Amino acid sequence: MVLQSIASIDQSFNQLELLLYVDIDNQNMFLLKKGTVFKVYKISSSYYGTGSEVNSLKTPLGKHEIYKKLGQNLPVNAILKGRVWNGAIANIITEEVDTDFDHVTSRILWLDGLEVGKNKGKGIDSRSRYIYIHGTAEEGLIGKPASDGCIRMYNSDVIELFELVEEKAQVWIY
């Protein structure tokens, strides 16, 4: 079923060595290798819905690629502020609690939009909006929309994924 959805976007998806496909409706991310589902992760997209506008706090749709990987060898649950670890470690909340913090934890896969006018360009640019795939302290909210625009993952999952993907790997969010 998911492969049909991906094929409806671009039938050449199975020619990509690796593809991350984010299914917003079901809050899942699929890691595909040459068109075959290799791994499925639960995620959390934006609480505010989907969209690309600057300051909207929404998750941008469309084709992206990993611009930069950050956090190599950091401890699990390390808090990154401005993409830098200051030595702090997050307390992980496993209950369905939304805190005032939107901690970026463990690893960052920084996304760059590939579609001019949709997620790349003035006022809608995913990279300049600092849209990431990252770990979260609010693990109890994974599986439902709760972020401020990014794709959140369990810390153990984002660390695993970080090792499985390279910069320039495509990430399709639909």
Protein backbone atom coordinates (compact mmCIF):
# COMPACT_ATOMS: atom_id res chain seq x y z
CA MET A 1 0.00 0.00 0.00
CA VAL A 2 2.73 2.50 0.94
CA LEU A 3 4.67 1.62 -2.20
CA GLN A 4 1.62 2.53 -4.29
CA SER A 5 1.43 5.91 -2.55
CA ILE A 6 5.12 6.55 -3.21
CA ALA A 7 4.80 5.44 -6.85
CA SER A 8 1.91 7.89 -7.33
CA ILE A 9 4.34 10.70 -6.42
CA ASP A 10 7.22 9.52 -8.61
CA GLN A 11 7.44 6.08 -10.21
CA SER A 12 11.24 6.26 -10.33
CA PHE A 13 11.44 6.01 -6.51
CA ASN A 14 12.71 2.43 -6.73
CA GLN A 15 15.80 3.60 -8.60
CA LEU A 16 16.97 5.53 -5.54
CA GLU A 17 19.59 3.69 -3.50
CA LEU A 18 17.87 4.95 -0.34
CA LEU A 19 14.69 6.94 0.31
CA LEU A 20 13.01 8.17 3.48
CA TYR A 21 9.26 8.50 2.97
CA VAL A 22 7.29 10.35 5.67
CA ASP A 23 3.60 9.46 5.78
CA ILE A 24 2.00 12.42 7.60
CA ASP A 25 -1.47 10.86 7.86
CA ASN A 26 -0.20 7.76 9.67
CA GLN A 27 2.78 9.38 11.44
CA ASN A 28 5.22 6.83 10.00
CA MET A 29 8.55 7.12 8.23
CA PHE A 30 9.66 4.36 5.87
CA LEU A 31 13.29 3.70 5.06
CA LEU A 32 13.42 2.18 1.58
CA LYS A 33 16.41 0.63 -0.11
CA LYS A 34 16.04 0.36 -3.89
CA GLY A 35 12.24 0.49 -3.59
CA THR A 36 11.92 -2.09 -0.79
CA VAL A 37 10.79 -1.18 2.71
CA PHE A 38 13.77 -1.84 4.99
CA LYS A 39 12.55 -0.22 8.21
CA VAL A 40 9.48 1.62 9.56
CA TYR A 41 9.68 4.27 12.28
CA LYS A 42 6.92 6.05 14.24
CA ILE A 43 7.33 9.82 14.00
CA SER A 44 5.68 13.04 15.08
CA SER A 45 5.13 15.86 12.60
CA SER A 46 3.84 19.36 13.33
CA TYR A 47 0.98 19.98 15.69
CA TYR A 48 0.04 22.89 13.38
CA GLY A 49 -0.36 20.77 10.24
CA THR A 50 1.52 20.93 6.97
CA GLY A 51 2.82 23.93 5.07
CA SER A 52 6.00 25.67 4.03
CA GLU A 53 5.49 29.28 5.12
CA VAL A 54 8.21 30.84 7.29
CA ASN A 55 7.15 31.08 10.96
CA SER A 56 4.12 28.82 10.37
CA LEU A 57 5.53 26.02 12.60
CA LYS A 58 4.13 23.60 10.01
CA THR A 59 5.83 20.55 8.47
CA PRO A 60 6.71 21.20 4.82
CA LEU A 61 5.54 18.74 2.19
CA GLY A 62 7.36 17.54 -0.90
CA LYS A 63 10.74 16.19 -1.88
CA HIS A 64 13.74 17.06 0.29
CA GLU A 65 17.25 15.81 0.79
CA ILE A 66 19.45 15.56 3.86
CA TYR A 67 21.53 18.72 3.74
CA LYS A 68 23.66 17.98 6.78
CA LYS A 69 24.00 15.35 9.52
CA LEU A 70 24.81 16.73 12.98
CA GLY A 71 25.47 15.10 16.34
CA GLN A 72 27.80 12.23 15.42
CA ASN A 73 28.96 10.43 18.60
CA LEU A 74 26.93 12.58 21.00
CA PRO A 75 25.41 10.79 23.99
CA VAL A 76 21.82 9.58 23.79
CA ASN A 77 19.37 12.40 24.70
CA ALA A 78 21.99 15.17 24.26
CA ILE A 79 20.19 18.51 23.85
CA LEU A 80 21.29 20.50 20.79
CA LYS A 81 20.62 24.24 20.74
CA GLY A 82 21.44 26.05 17.54
CA ARG A 83 22.77 22.68 16.30
CA VAL A 84 25.42 22.61 19.08
CA TRP A 85 25.55 20.43 22.21
CA ASN A 86 26.04 22.45 25.38
CA GLY A 87 26.56 19.39 27.60
CA ALA A 88 22.93 19.07 28.72
CA ILE A 89 21.07 15.75 28.61
CA ALA A 90 17.27 15.71 28.27
CA ASN A 91 14.95 14.04 30.72
CA ILE A 92 12.76 11.86 28.49
CA ILE A 93 9.02 12.10 29.05
CA THR A 94 7.25 8.87 28.12
CA GLU A 95 3.74 10.05 29.06
CA GLU A 96 1.59 12.01 26.56
CA VAL A 97 2.71 15.37 27.94
CA ASP A 98 3.36 18.45 25.82
CA THR A 99 5.94 20.64 27.55
CA ASP A 100 6.91 24.23 26.80
CA PHE A 101 10.21 22.92 25.42
CA ASP A 102 10.75 21.59 21.91
CA HIS A 103 14.15 20.06 22.63
CA VAL A 104 16.16 18.80 19.68
CA THR A 105 17.94 15.72 21.01
CA SER A 106 20.54 13.10 20.07
CA ARG A 107 20.94 13.67 16.30
CA ILE A 108 19.89 16.08 13.54
CA LEU A 109 19.23 15.33 9.90
CA TRP A 110 18.82 18.86 8.48
CA LEU A 111 16.54 18.95 5.44
CA ASP A 112 16.82 21.00 2.28
CA GLY A 113 13.82 21.35 -0.02
CA LEU A 114 14.22 20.23 -3.63
CA GLU A 115 11.10 21.86 -5.10
CA VAL A 116 11.34 25.57 -5.92
CA GLY A 117 8.07 27.27 -5.05
CA LYS A 118 7.01 24.44 -2.74
CA ASN A 119 9.75 23.97 -0.13
CA LYS A 120 12.70 25.89 -1.60
CA GLY A 121 12.92 29.64 -2.11
CA LYS A 122 12.04 32.90 -0.41
CA GLY A 123 9.49 32.61 2.37
CA ILE A 124 9.10 28.81 2.11
CA ASP A 125 12.63 27.38 2.31
CA SER A 126 12.89 24.23 4.46
CA ARG A 127 16.63 24.61 5.06
CA SER A 128 16.42 28.24 6.17
CA ARG A 129 13.41 27.28 8.35
CA TYR A 130 15.70 24.76 10.09
CA ILE A 131 13.47 21.78 9.36
CA TYR A 132 15.07 18.64 10.80
CA ILE A 133 14.50 15.01 11.53
CA HIS A 134 15.60 14.79 15.18
CA GLY A 135 15.16 13.12 18.54
CA THR A 136 12.81 14.55 21.15
CA ALA A 137 12.44 14.67 24.93
CA GLU A 138 8.66 14.22 24.46
CA GLU A 139 8.77 10.58 23.40
CA GLY A 140 5.26 10.03 24.80
CA LEU A 141 3.90 12.13 21.92
CA ILE A 142 5.55 10.12 19.12
CA GLY A 143 2.84 8.80 16.79
CA LYS A 144 0.76 11.96 16.81
CA PRO A 145 1.34 15.49 15.51
CA ALA A 146 3.17 17.43 18.23
CA SER A 147 6.24 19.21 16.83
CA ASP A 148 6.85 22.81 15.81
CA GLY A 149 7.49 21.82 12.18
CA CYS A 150 10.22 19.18 12.33
CA ILE A 151 9.93 15.42 12.17
CA ARG A 152 10.49 14.04 15.68
CA MET A 153 11.64 10.50 16.41
CA TYR A 154 12.44 8.33 19.40
CA ASN A 155 16.07 8.99 20.35
CA SER A 156 17.15 5.38 19.80
CA ASP A 157 15.50 5.44 16.35
CA VAL A 158 17.09 8.70 15.19
CA ILE A 159 20.51 7.45 16.28
CA GLU A 160 19.97 4.24 14.32
CA LEU A 161 18.70 6.15 11.27
CA PHE A 162 21.62 8.59 11.45
CA GLU A 163 23.99 5.66 10.87
CA LEU A 164 21.92 4.25 7.99
CA VAL A 165 21.64 7.38 5.83
CA GLU A 166 24.07 9.75 4.17
CA GLU A 167 23.88 13.42 3.31
CA LYS A 168 22.04 13.97 0.01
CA ALA A 169 19.68 11.03 0.69
CA GLN A 170 16.16 11.98 -0.38
CA VAL A 171 13.34 12.53 2.12
CA TRP A 172 9.82 12.74 0.71
CA ILE A 173 7.15 14.16 3.02
CA TYR A 174 3.54 13.58 1.98
